[in-house]
Amino acid sequence: MKAATNIEEAEIVIVGGGIGGLATALALHKKGLESVVLEKSESIRTSGSAIGIFCNGWRALDQLGVGAQLRQKAVPFTALRNLSLDNGKQGEIPLREEARCLKRNDLVQVLANSLPPNTIRFGCYILAAKLDPLTSQPILHLEDGTTIKSKVVIGCDGVHSVVSELIGLKAPTCFSTCGARGFTSYPSGHGLSNEFTRIRKGNRLFGRMPVDDNLLYWFVARPWTSSDKEASSEPKLIKEATIESITDFPTEIIEVVKKCELDSLTLTKIRYRTPWDILLGNFRKGTVIVAGDAMHVMGPFLGQGGSAALEDAVVLARNLAQEMSMKGSERIEKQIMQVRIGAAMDRYVKERRTRLFMLSSQAYLIGMLLETSSGQLKKLVVVIALFVFFQNSVGHTKYNCGHL
């Protein structure tokens, strides 16, 4: 580590400028709390293709004040359609509440543009996070030699979170499944119904959602192979491997992938934090807390990872503001303030734990159905568990995180 050339102090530092970090910064701003977002990239991260937002996510976006603006960027879809190519069974679930598919870039840009100037600091790579042994104050060491001391650190730094290491969280687990994602554009219109369609065959799953009348978002979940590590950085190889994995799917599905926009393609191994780690894990250490994927990364099978991060932002800001926005709080002794902030963080974790446990459990069970290592007996048990505990397969979309 380089010797420190600059020591700074801050009230609240958010590590990571993705959806969770930007939403948390905006929620805090709306509650009158200043924060700084440290993002390792040199600009807003535009990687990734799209994100499905169900009514629970739109409730959170409305609390952040950006819902109306984002609704103009995507059409609503009205149903969830499931089809099994193994037995021909299909079903349709009407979506009576709001659901849309947003381009990830649209979401992060709107969140970033809603923040005060200079909230986001780019090119900030965190080497280490620790607590001062004497004061328990969070300290961040940056690659450029800067040291930042902060009252509060919020880790929104994703799957490979440096902040979660400080807290002592277990590393996420990998499914044997990977996910390919992309956009396909139809200048004359795709002509498809505004539905979220999922088509499954064996341990492969194809899904598609319209963004608007001309743009279609799609994904393919399939077993990870030894050649995928190399393919994941080459869009042409991602396209070829994805087509190869669905050659026995209907022709119109294959054509969607064949016509895709190469620069939109991504291929990643699917990671998750186990439901029992969500239920029993400790998500706080001192005045350091995690949110978003750093806290609860889950498989994409429910389309709730992004919306859950938006919910986190609202709930965390609401609880922190109860302590940090108190009149005269600047005169409260540091140790007393640390205790109050810790109590606010504990309330946040308590409020989120059951919600996240249920989401992660449902996503985990669906993911197990796609696992090559899951035998028929195990899959039968999973199907029974899904029927018993998640008979309403879209019940998770009804959740309301409350007012900011």
Protein backbone atom coordinates (compact mmCIF):
# COMPACT_ATOMS: atom_id res chain seq x y z
CA MET A 1 0.00 0.00 0.00
CA LYS A 2 1.25 3.45 -0.85
CA ALA A 3 2.01 5.87 1.96
CA ALA A 4 -0.90 8.22 2.58
CA THR A 5 -0.47 11.54 0.84
CA ASN A 6 -3.86 12.94 1.78
CA ILE A 7 -6.17 12.40 4.75
CA GLU A 8 -9.81 13.39 4.38
CA GLU A 9 -12.87 13.28 6.63
CA ALA A 10 -16.45 12.67 5.55
CA GLU A 11 -19.87 12.18 7.10
CA ILE A 12 -21.09 9.31 4.93
CA VAL A 13 -19.09 7.42 2.31
CA ILE A 14 -20.78 5.06 -0.14
CA VAL A 15 -18.47 2.59 -1.81
CA GLY A 16 -19.70 1.73 -5.31
CA GLY A 17 -21.52 3.80 -7.91
CA GLY A 18 -23.89 1.20 -9.30
CA ILE A 19 -27.66 1.15 -8.88
CA GLY A 20 -27.54 0.51 -5.14
CA GLY A 21 -24.89 3.14 -4.40
CA LEU A 22 -26.50 5.88 -6.47
CA ALA A 23 -29.98 5.13 -5.11
CA THR A 24 -28.67 5.22 -1.54
CA ALA A 25 -26.91 8.55 -2.15
CA LEU A 26 -30.12 10.00 -3.62
CA ALA A 27 -32.23 8.71 -0.73
CA LEU A 28 -29.83 10.24 1.80
CA HIS A 29 -29.81 13.53 -0.13
CA LYS A 30 -33.60 13.68 0.00
CA LYS A 31 -33.39 13.23 3.77
CA GLY A 32 -30.90 16.09 4.04
CA LEU A 33 -27.81 13.94 4.55
CA GLU A 34 -24.69 14.57 2.46
CA SER A 35 -22.67 11.65 1.16
CA VAL A 36 -19.85 10.96 -1.24
CA VAL A 37 -19.90 8.03 -3.65
CA LEU A 38 -16.55 6.42 -4.43
CA GLU A 39 -16.64 4.71 -7.82
CA LYS A 40 -13.61 2.85 -9.17
CA SER A 41 -14.57 3.39 -12.83
CA GLU A 42 -13.65 6.61 -14.59
CA SER A 43 -17.27 7.33 -15.48
CA ILE A 44 -20.80 6.12 -14.78
CA ARG A 45 -20.91 2.37 -15.29
CA THR A 46 -22.98 1.59 -18.37
CA SER A 47 -22.16 -2.12 -18.52
CA GLY A 48 -25.06 -4.52 -18.41
CA SER A 49 -28.15 -4.43 -20.54
CA ALA A 50 -31.50 -4.13 -18.76
CA ILE A 51 -33.28 -4.55 -15.46
CA GLY A 52 -36.84 -5.63 -14.84
CA ILE A 53 -38.64 -3.40 -12.35
CA PHE A 54 -41.87 -4.67 -10.80
CA CYS A 55 -44.33 -2.60 -8.77
CA ASN A 56 -42.25 -2.88 -5.57
CA GLY A 57 -39.30 -1.30 -7.39
CA TRP A 58 -41.47 1.46 -8.84
CA ARG A 59 -42.69 2.31 -5.35
CA ALA A 60 -39.07 2.79 -4.31
CA LEU A 61 -38.27 4.85 -7.42
CA ASP A 62 -41.26 7.10 -6.68
CA GLN A 63 -39.91 7.66 -3.17
CA LEU A 64 -36.60 8.68 -4.75
CA GLY A 65 -38.44 11.12 -7.01
CA VAL A 66 -37.37 9.60 -10.33
CA GLY A 67 -40.26 7.26 -11.14
CA ALA A 68 -42.15 9.62 -13.45
CA GLN A 69 -39.03 10.36 -15.50
CA LEU A 70 -38.14 6.68 -15.90
CA ARG A 71 -41.66 5.60 -16.86
CA GLN A 72 -41.21 7.52 -20.11
CA LYS A 73 -38.35 5.22 -21.09
CA ALA A 74 -40.10 1.83 -21.05
CA VAL A 75 -43.47 0.32 -21.86
CA PRO A 76 -45.43 -1.55 -19.17
CA PHE A 77 -45.91 -5.26 -19.60
CA THR A 78 -49.11 -6.89 -18.54
CA ALA A 79 -48.43 -10.59 -18.05
CA LEU A 80 -45.86 -13.21 -17.14
CA ARG A 81 -45.94 -16.18 -19.51
CA ASN A 82 -44.18 -19.47 -18.75
CA LEU A 83 -43.65 -22.29 -21.24
CA SER A 84 -41.97 -25.67 -20.72
CA LEU A 85 -40.61 -27.27 -23.89
CA ASP A 86 -40.16 -30.53 -21.95
CA ASN A 87 -43.86 -31.20 -21.47
CA GLY A 88 -45.60 -28.45 -23.42
CA LYS A 89 -47.19 -26.94 -20.34
CA GLN A 90 -47.71 -23.22 -20.36
CA GLY A 91 -49.31 -20.68 -18.11
CA GLU A 92 -50.04 -16.99 -18.00
CA ILE A 93 -50.09 -14.84 -14.88
CA PRO A 94 -51.69 -11.40 -15.32
CA LEU A 95 -49.61 -8.57 -13.84
CA ARG A 96 -52.21 -6.24 -12.44
CA GLU A 97 -49.67 -3.82 -11.05
CA GLU A 98 -46.87 -1.91 -12.75
CA ALA A 99 -43.95 -3.75 -14.34
CA ARG A 100 -41.46 -2.44 -16.91
CA CYS A 101 -38.04 -3.31 -18.25
CA LEU A 102 -35.55 -0.43 -18.07
CA LYS A 103 -32.23 -0.10 -19.80
CA ARG A 104 -29.70 -0.17 -17.00
CA ASN A 105 -27.96 2.82 -18.48
CA ASP A 106 -31.17 4.87 -18.32
CA LEU A 107 -31.63 4.01 -14.65
CA VAL A 108 -28.09 4.84 -13.51
CA GLN A 109 -27.96 8.05 -15.55
CA VAL A 110 -31.23 9.34 -14.08
CA LEU A 111 -30.09 8.47 -10.55
CA ALA A 112 -26.69 10.12 -11.10
CA ASN A 113 -28.17 13.25 -12.67
CA SER A 114 -30.50 13.67 -9.68
CA LEU A 115 -27.57 13.94 -7.25
CA PRO A 116 -25.89 17.20 -6.22
CA PRO A 117 -22.73 18.06 -8.21
CA ASN A 118 -19.52 16.35 -7.07
CA THR A 119 -21.35 13.67 -5.09
CA ILE A 120 -19.68 10.97 -7.20
CA ARG A 121 -15.88 10.68 -7.23
CA PHE A 122 -14.61 8.55 -10.08
CA GLY A 123 -11.37 6.58 -10.31
CA CYS A 124 -11.44 5.75 -6.58
CA TYR A 125 -10.17 2.22 -6.09
CA ILE A 126 -10.47 0.99 -2.50
CA LEU A 127 -7.48 -1.05 -1.36
CA ALA A 128 -8.67 -1.70 2.17
CA ALA A 129 -11.39 -0.86 4.68
CA LYS A 130 -10.88 -1.09 8.43
CA LEU A 131 -11.99 0.31 11.77
CA ASP A 132 -9.70 2.53 13.83
CA PRO A 133 -8.66 0.36 16.81
CA LEU A 134 -9.04 3.30 19.24
CA THR A 135 -12.13 5.12 17.98
CA SER A 136 -13.87 2.41 15.88
CA GLN A 137 -14.20 5.03 13.12
CA PRO A 138 -14.31 3.54 9.59
CA ILE A 139 -11.16 4.21 7.55
CA LEU A 140 -10.80 3.67 3.79
CA HIS A 141 -7.43 3.42 2.04
CA LEU A 142 -7.47 4.31 -1.66
CA GLU A 143 -5.04 3.23 -4.34
CA ASP A 144 -3.86 6.81 -4.94
CA GLY A 145 -2.66 7.04 -1.34
CA THR A 146 -5.68 8.91 0.02
CA THR A 147 -7.07 7.92 3.42
CA ILE A 148 -10.70 8.75 4.18
CA LYS A 149 -12.09 8.74 7.71
CA SER A 150 -15.87 8.67 7.83
CA LYS A 151 -18.68 8.51 10.37
CA VAL A 152 -20.53 6.01 8.19
CA VAL A 153 -19.44 3.67 5.40
CA ILE A 154 -22.06 1.97 3.21
CA GLY A 155 -20.80 -0.86 1.02
CA CYS A 156 -22.64 -0.94 -2.29
CA ASP A 157 -19.65 -2.45 -4.06
CA GLY A 158 -21.28 -5.55 -5.44
CA VAL A 159 -20.37 -9.20 -5.47
CA HIS A 160 -16.65 -8.67 -4.82
CA SER A 161 -17.25 -6.23 -1.98
CA VAL A 162 -14.26 -4.92 -0.02
CA VAL A 163 -16.64 -3.58 2.61
CA SER A 164 -18.28 -6.99 3.16
CA GLU A 165 -14.82 -8.41 3.91
CA LEU A 166 -14.44 -5.89 6.75
CA ILE A 167 -17.81 -6.92 8.15
CA GLY A 168 -16.83 -10.59 7.87
CA LEU A 169 -19.46 -11.78 5.41
CA LYS A 170 -18.92 -15.08 3.64
CA ALA A 171 -18.11 -14.87 -0.05
CA PRO A 172 -21.08 -15.49 -2.38
CA THR A 173 -21.54 -18.95 -3.85
CA CYS A 174 -21.68 -19.74 -7.57
CA PHE A 175 -24.36 -21.72 -9.33
CA SER A 176 -23.06 -23.97 -12.10
CA THR A 177 -25.30 -21.80 -14.28
CA CYS A 178 -24.24 -18.70 -16.22
CA GLY A 179 -26.31 -15.94 -17.72
CA ALA A 180 -26.00 -14.38 -21.17
CA ARG A 181 -27.86 -11.09 -21.65
CA GLY A 182 -28.38 -8.69 -24.48
CA PHE A 183 -30.58 -6.41 -26.56
CA THR A 184 -32.10 -7.02 -29.98
CA SER A 185 -33.35 -3.99 -31.88
CA TYR A 186 -36.18 -4.03 -34.42
CA PRO A 187 -36.35 -0.69 -36.31
CA SER A 188 -39.78 -1.58 -37.73
CA GLY A 189 -41.05 -2.94 -34.41
CA HIS A 190 -40.73 -6.37 -32.82
CA GLY A 191 -44.49 -6.99 -32.96
CA LEU A 192 -44.50 -8.92 -29.68
CA SER A 193 -47.02 -8.60 -26.88
CA ASN A 194 -45.92 -6.61 -23.86
CA GLU A 195 -45.26 -9.71 -21.77
CA PHE A 196 -42.41 -11.15 -19.75
CA THR A 197 -41.92 -14.56 -21.37
CA ARG A 198 -39.85 -17.42 -19.94
CA ILE A 199 -39.23 -20.61 -21.91
CA ARG A 200 -37.51 -23.54 -20.23
CA LYS A 201 -36.05 -26.78 -21.52
CA GLY A 202 -34.08 -29.02 -19.20
CA ASN A 203 -31.52 -26.89 -17.39
CA ARG A 204 -31.74 -23.99 -19.83
CA LEU A 205 -33.99 -20.97 -19.59
CA PHE A 206 -34.69 -18.25 -22.14
CA GLY A 207 -36.45 -15.05 -21.14
CA ARG A 208 -37.45 -11.88 -22.96
CA MET A 209 -38.99 -8.55 -21.99
CA PRO A 210 -39.84 -5.60 -24.25
CA VAL A 211 -38.22 -2.29 -23.34
CA ASP A 212 -40.29 -0.45 -25.92
CA ASP A 213 -41.91 -1.18 -29.27
CA ASN A 214 -38.52 -1.52 -30.98
CA LEU A 215 -36.14 -2.88 -28.36
CA LEU A 216 -36.21 -6.33 -26.79
CA TYR A 217 -34.18 -7.43 -23.78
CA TRP A 218 -33.42 -11.15 -23.50
CA PHE A 219 -31.39 -13.53 -21.37
CA VAL A 220 -30.32 -17.16 -21.48
CA ALA A 221 -29.47 -19.13 -18.34
CA ARG A 222 -27.51 -22.30 -19.07
CA PRO A 223 -24.73 -24.47 -17.62
CA TRP A 224 -21.30 -22.83 -17.41
CA THR A 225 -18.65 -24.56 -19.53
CA SER A 226 -14.86 -24.54 -19.40
CA SER A 227 -14.68 -22.32 -22.50
CA ASP A 228 -16.98 -19.63 -21.09
CA LYS A 229 -14.27 -17.86 -19.12
CA GLU A 230 -12.54 -16.93 -22.39
CA ALA A 231 -15.82 -16.27 -24.21
CA SER A 232 -17.08 -13.87 -21.53
CA SER A 233 -14.82 -11.06 -22.75
CA GLU A 234 -15.57 -11.53 -26.47
CA PRO A 235 -19.08 -10.55 -27.66
CA LYS A 236 -18.83 -12.67 -30.80
CA LEU A 237 -17.94 -15.74 -28.74
CA ILE A 238 -20.77 -15.01 -26.31
CA LYS A 239 -23.20 -14.87 -29.22
CA GLU A 240 -21.91 -18.11 -30.75
CA ALA A 241 -21.96 -19.98 -27.44
CA THR A 242 -25.46 -18.75 -26.62
CA ILE A 243 -26.86 -19.81 -30.00
CA GLU A 244 -25.18 -23.19 -29.62
CA SER A 245 -26.84 -23.68 -26.24
CA ILE A 246 -30.39 -23.15 -27.57
CA THR A 247 -30.28 -24.88 -30.97
CA ASP A 248 -33.27 -27.04 -29.98
CA PHE A 249 -35.40 -24.03 -29.01
CA PRO A 250 -38.00 -22.57 -31.42
CA THR A 251 -36.53 -20.81 -34.45
CA GLU A 252 -37.93 -17.41 -33.48
CA ILE A 253 -36.06 -17.60 -30.18
CA ILE A 254 -32.77 -18.40 -31.91
CA GLU A 255 -33.35 -15.50 -34.31
CA VAL A 256 -33.62 -13.08 -31.39
CA VAL A 257 -30.07 -13.97 -30.34
CA LYS A 258 -28.75 -14.02 -33.91
CA LYS A 259 -29.95 -10.44 -34.49
CA CYS A 260 -28.70 -9.06 -31.18
CA GLU A 261 -26.55 -5.97 -30.68
CA LEU A 262 -23.03 -7.28 -30.07
CA ASP A 263 -22.00 -4.40 -27.82
CA SER A 264 -24.87 -5.19 -25.44
CA LEU A 265 -23.81 -8.78 -24.75
CA THR A 266 -22.57 -9.95 -21.35
CA LEU A 267 -21.86 -13.40 -19.97
CA THR A 268 -21.40 -13.96 -16.24
CA LYS A 269 -21.47 -16.81 -13.80
CA ILE A 270 -24.52 -16.53 -11.55
CA ARG A 271 -23.63 -15.91 -7.90
CA TYR A 272 -25.83 -15.87 -4.85
CA ARG A 273 -25.71 -15.48 -1.10
CA THR A 274 -27.36 -18.50 0.48
CA PRO A 275 -30.75 -17.97 2.14
CA TRP A 276 -29.35 -19.18 5.49
CA ASP A 277 -26.53 -16.62 5.27
CA ILE A 278 -29.17 -13.93 4.68
CA LEU A 279 -31.15 -15.20 7.66
CA LEU A 280 -28.21 -15.56 10.06
CA GLY A 281 -25.50 -13.27 8.67
CA ASN A 282 -24.20 -10.11 10.32
CA PHE A 283 -24.43 -7.16 7.93
CA ARG A 284 -23.01 -4.47 10.20
CA LYS A 285 -19.74 -3.82 11.98
CA GLY A 286 -19.51 -0.59 13.93
CA THR A 287 -20.91 2.10 11.65
CA VAL A 288 -20.18 0.09 8.51
CA ILE A 289 -23.10 -1.50 6.66
CA VAL A 290 -23.78 -3.15 3.30
CA ALA A 291 -26.64 -2.84 0.80
CA GLY A 292 -27.50 -4.10 -2.68
CA ASP A 293 -25.57 -7.03 -4.12
CA ALA A 294 -22.85 -6.67 -1.47
CA MET A 295 -25.53 -7.68 1.02
CA HIS A 296 -27.85 -10.05 -0.86
CA VAL A 297 -26.68 -10.97 -4.36
CA MET A 298 -29.17 -13.49 -5.72
CA GLY A 299 -29.86 -15.33 -8.95
CA PRO A 300 -31.72 -13.29 -11.59
CA PHE A 301 -34.62 -15.73 -11.74
CA LEU A 302 -37.10 -13.37 -10.04
CA GLY A 303 -35.82 -10.16 -11.63
CA GLN A 304 -35.65 -8.61 -8.15
CA GLY A 305 -31.94 -7.92 -7.53
CA GLY A 306 -32.11 -4.31 -8.70
CA SER A 307 -35.46 -3.56 -7.09
CA ALA A 308 -34.25 -5.02 -3.79
CA ALA A 309 -31.30 -2.61 -3.91
CA LEU A 310 -33.72 0.29 -4.46
CA GLU A 311 -35.72 -0.86 -1.45
CA ASP A 312 -32.50 -1.02 0.60
CA ALA A 313 -31.75 2.59 -0.25
CA VAL A 314 -35.12 3.85 0.96
CA VAL A 315 -35.10 1.83 4.19
CA LEU A 316 -31.47 2.60 5.08
CA ALA A 317 -31.80 6.35 4.47
CA ARG A 318 -35.04 6.47 6.46
CA ASN A 319 -33.40 4.82 9.48
CA LEU A 320 -30.13 6.76 9.33
CA ALA A 321 -31.98 10.07 9.04
CA GLN A 322 -33.81 9.38 12.28
CA GLU A 323 -30.48 9.67 14.11
CA MET A 324 -28.19 11.75 11.91
CA SER A 325 -30.72 14.47 11.05
CA MET A 326 -31.57 15.22 14.67
CA LYS A 327 -31.42 18.91 15.51
CA GLY A 328 -28.21 19.59 17.36
CA SER A 329 -26.74 16.21 16.39
CA GLU A 330 -23.43 17.91 15.61
CA ARG A 331 -23.07 18.57 19.36
CA ILE A 332 -23.61 14.96 20.36
CA GLU A 333 -20.47 13.17 21.49
CA LYS A 334 -18.90 10.91 18.88
CA GLN A 335 -19.34 7.75 20.94
CA ILE A 336 -23.03 8.45 21.56
CA MET A 337 -23.55 9.21 17.87
CA GLN A 338 -21.81 5.96 16.92
CA VAL A 339 -24.20 4.05 19.18
CA ARG A 340 -27.21 5.80 17.62
CA ILE A 341 -26.01 5.17 14.09
CA GLY A 342 -25.39 1.53 14.96
CA ALA A 343 -28.92 1.25 16.33
CA ALA A 344 -30.30 2.78 13.10
CA MET A 345 -28.33 0.26 11.06
CA ASP A 346 -29.65 -2.59 13.20
CA ARG A 347 -33.21 -1.42 12.54
CA TYR A 348 -32.45 -1.39 8.81
CA VAL A 349 -31.09 -4.94 8.92
CA LYS A 350 -34.04 -6.17 11.00
CA GLU A 351 -36.51 -4.61 8.58
CA ARG A 352 -34.80 -6.02 5.52
CA ARG A 353 -33.84 -9.50 6.73
CA THR A 354 -37.18 -11.30 6.35
CA ARG A 355 -37.87 -9.67 2.99
CA LEU A 356 -34.44 -10.61 1.65
CA PHE A 357 -34.62 -14.13 3.07
CA MET A 358 -37.86 -14.79 1.22
CA LEU A 359 -36.54 -13.31 -2.05
CA SER A 360 -33.25 -15.20 -1.87
CA SER A 361 -35.02 -18.46 -0.97
CA GLN A 362 -37.39 -18.27 -3.93
CA ALA A 363 -34.56 -17.34 -6.32
CA TYR A 364 -32.37 -20.12 -4.88
CA LEU A 365 -35.05 -22.77 -5.36
CA ILE A 366 -35.66 -21.74 -8.97
CA GLY A 367 -31.91 -21.76 -9.58
CA MET A 368 -31.65 -25.29 -8.21
CA LEU A 369 -34.07 -26.49 -10.89
CA LEU A 370 -31.48 -25.47 -13.49
CA GLU A 371 -28.52 -27.07 -11.73
CA THR A 372 -26.97 -30.01 -13.58
CA SER A 373 -26.07 -31.57 -10.22
CA SER A 374 -29.70 -31.60 -9.04
CA GLY A 375 -31.11 -35.12 -9.46
CA GLN A 376 -34.78 -35.86 -10.09
CA LEU A 377 -35.54 -36.47 -6.41
CA LYS A 378 -33.91 -33.18 -5.40
CA LYS A 379 -35.79 -31.33 -8.11
CA LEU A 380 -39.05 -32.87 -6.91
CA VAL A 381 -38.36 -31.59 -3.41
CA VAL A 382 -37.62 -28.13 -4.85
CA VAL A 383 -40.87 -28.10 -6.82
CA ILE A 384 -42.81 -29.07 -3.69
CA ALA A 385 -41.06 -26.34 -1.67
CA LEU A 386 -41.88 -23.74 -4.32
CA PHE A 387 -45.52 -24.85 -4.32
CA VAL A 388 -45.82 -24.81 -0.54
CA PHE A 389 -43.97 -21.58 0.24
CA PHE A 390 -44.32 -19.59 -2.98
CA GLN A 391 -47.65 -20.65 -4.43
CA ASN A 392 -48.16 -17.08 -5.59
CA SER A 393 -45.09 -16.90 -7.81
CA VAL A 394 -45.36 -13.11 -8.25
CA GLY A 395 -46.29 -12.35 -4.64
CA HIS A 396 -42.83 -10.82 -4.13
CA THR A 397 -43.80 -7.92 -6.39
CA LYS A 398 -46.50 -6.72 -3.96
CA TYR A 399 -44.00 -5.58 -1.31
CA ASN A 400 -43.98 -1.94 -0.20
CA CYS A 401 -40.78 -0.60 1.38
CA GLY A 402 -42.67 2.41 2.78
CA HIS A 403 -42.09 6.14 2.70
CA LEU A 404 -38.63 7.66 2.62
